[in-house]
Amino acid sequence: MGGFLNWWDGVELWLTGLPFIAQTAVVMPVVLALAYGIAMVLDGALGNGIKLVRRVRHDDSDIER
């Protein structure tokens, strides 16, 4: 873990030493990729959750009839 933290400290120092435009050019693709990945996971989880709720409601409506 110490090696990773030392590496991360070096990356932070390198990134903060860059001009603002270069920082933006380096950080934005990473942030956008992470946001896209998180959105895909949440979309899948929400879609499966909605399917599950519909299935449960459909099964409940069959019991009431």
Protein backbone atom coordinates (compact mmCIF):
# COMPACT_ATOMS: atom_id res chain seq x y z
CA MET A 1 0.00 0.00 0.00
CA GLY A 2 2.89 2.34 0.76
CA GLY A 3 4.20 2.00 -2.80
CA PHE A 4 0.84 2.96 -4.27
CA LEU A 5 0.54 5.97 -1.95
CA ASN A 6 4.03 7.15 -2.88
CA TRP A 7 3.18 6.77 -6.57
CA TRP A 8 -0.08 8.70 -6.06
CA ASP A 9 1.78 11.51 -4.27
CA GLY A 10 4.11 11.76 -7.27
CA VAL A 11 1.17 11.91 -9.66
CA GLU A 12 -0.47 14.64 -7.60
CA LEU A 13 2.73 16.68 -7.55
CA TRP A 14 3.17 16.25 -11.30
CA LEU A 15 -0.45 17.20 -11.99
CA THR A 16 -0.45 20.28 -9.77
CA GLY A 17 2.73 21.47 -11.48
CA LEU A 18 1.03 21.54 -14.88
CA PRO A 19 -0.66 24.65 -16.27
CA PHE A 20 -4.45 24.78 -15.87
CA ILE A 21 -5.23 23.88 -19.48
CA ALA A 22 -2.92 20.86 -19.33
CA GLN A 23 -4.48 19.78 -16.01
CA THR A 24 -7.90 19.97 -17.61
CA ALA A 25 -6.76 17.98 -20.64
CA VAL A 26 -5.37 15.24 -18.38
CA VAL A 27 -8.16 15.11 -15.78
CA MET A 28 -11.29 15.45 -17.93
CA PRO A 29 -10.97 12.19 -19.89
CA VAL A 30 -10.47 10.29 -16.63
CA VAL A 31 -13.42 12.01 -14.93
CA LEU A 32 -15.67 11.55 -17.96
CA ALA A 33 -14.77 7.84 -18.23
CA LEU A 34 -15.50 7.32 -14.53
CA ALA A 35 -18.80 9.20 -14.78
CA TYR A 36 -19.81 7.15 -17.82
CA GLY A 37 -18.94 3.90 -16.05
CA ILE A 38 -20.87 4.87 -12.93
CA ALA A 39 -23.86 5.93 -15.05
CA MET A 40 -23.84 2.59 -16.88
CA VAL A 41 -23.75 0.63 -13.61
CA LEU A 42 -26.53 2.72 -12.07
CA ASP A 43 -28.62 2.44 -15.23
CA GLY A 44 -28.30 -1.34 -15.20
CA ALA A 45 -29.08 -1.57 -11.49
CA LEU A 46 -32.11 0.71 -11.83
CA GLY A 47 -33.37 -1.19 -14.88
CA ASN A 48 -33.06 -4.53 -13.09
CA GLY A 49 -34.71 -3.06 -10.00
CA ILE A 50 -37.67 -1.83 -12.04
CA LYS A 51 -38.02 -5.26 -13.71
CA LEU A 52 -37.98 -6.90 -10.29
CA VAL A 53 -40.62 -4.55 -8.89
CA ARG A 54 -42.84 -5.10 -11.95
CA ARG A 55 -42.45 -8.87 -11.61
CA VAL A 56 -43.35 -8.74 -7.91
CA ARG A 57 -46.36 -6.49 -8.57
CA HIS A 58 -47.51 -8.72 -11.42
CA ASP A 59 -47.26 -11.81 -9.19
CA ASP A 60 -49.18 -9.99 -6.43
CA SER A 61 -51.98 -9.02 -8.83
CA ASP A 62 -52.37 -12.67 -9.88
CA ILE A 63 -52.84 -13.72 -6.25
CA GLU A 64 -55.56 -11.12 -5.61
CA ARG A 65 -57.69 -12.30 -8.55
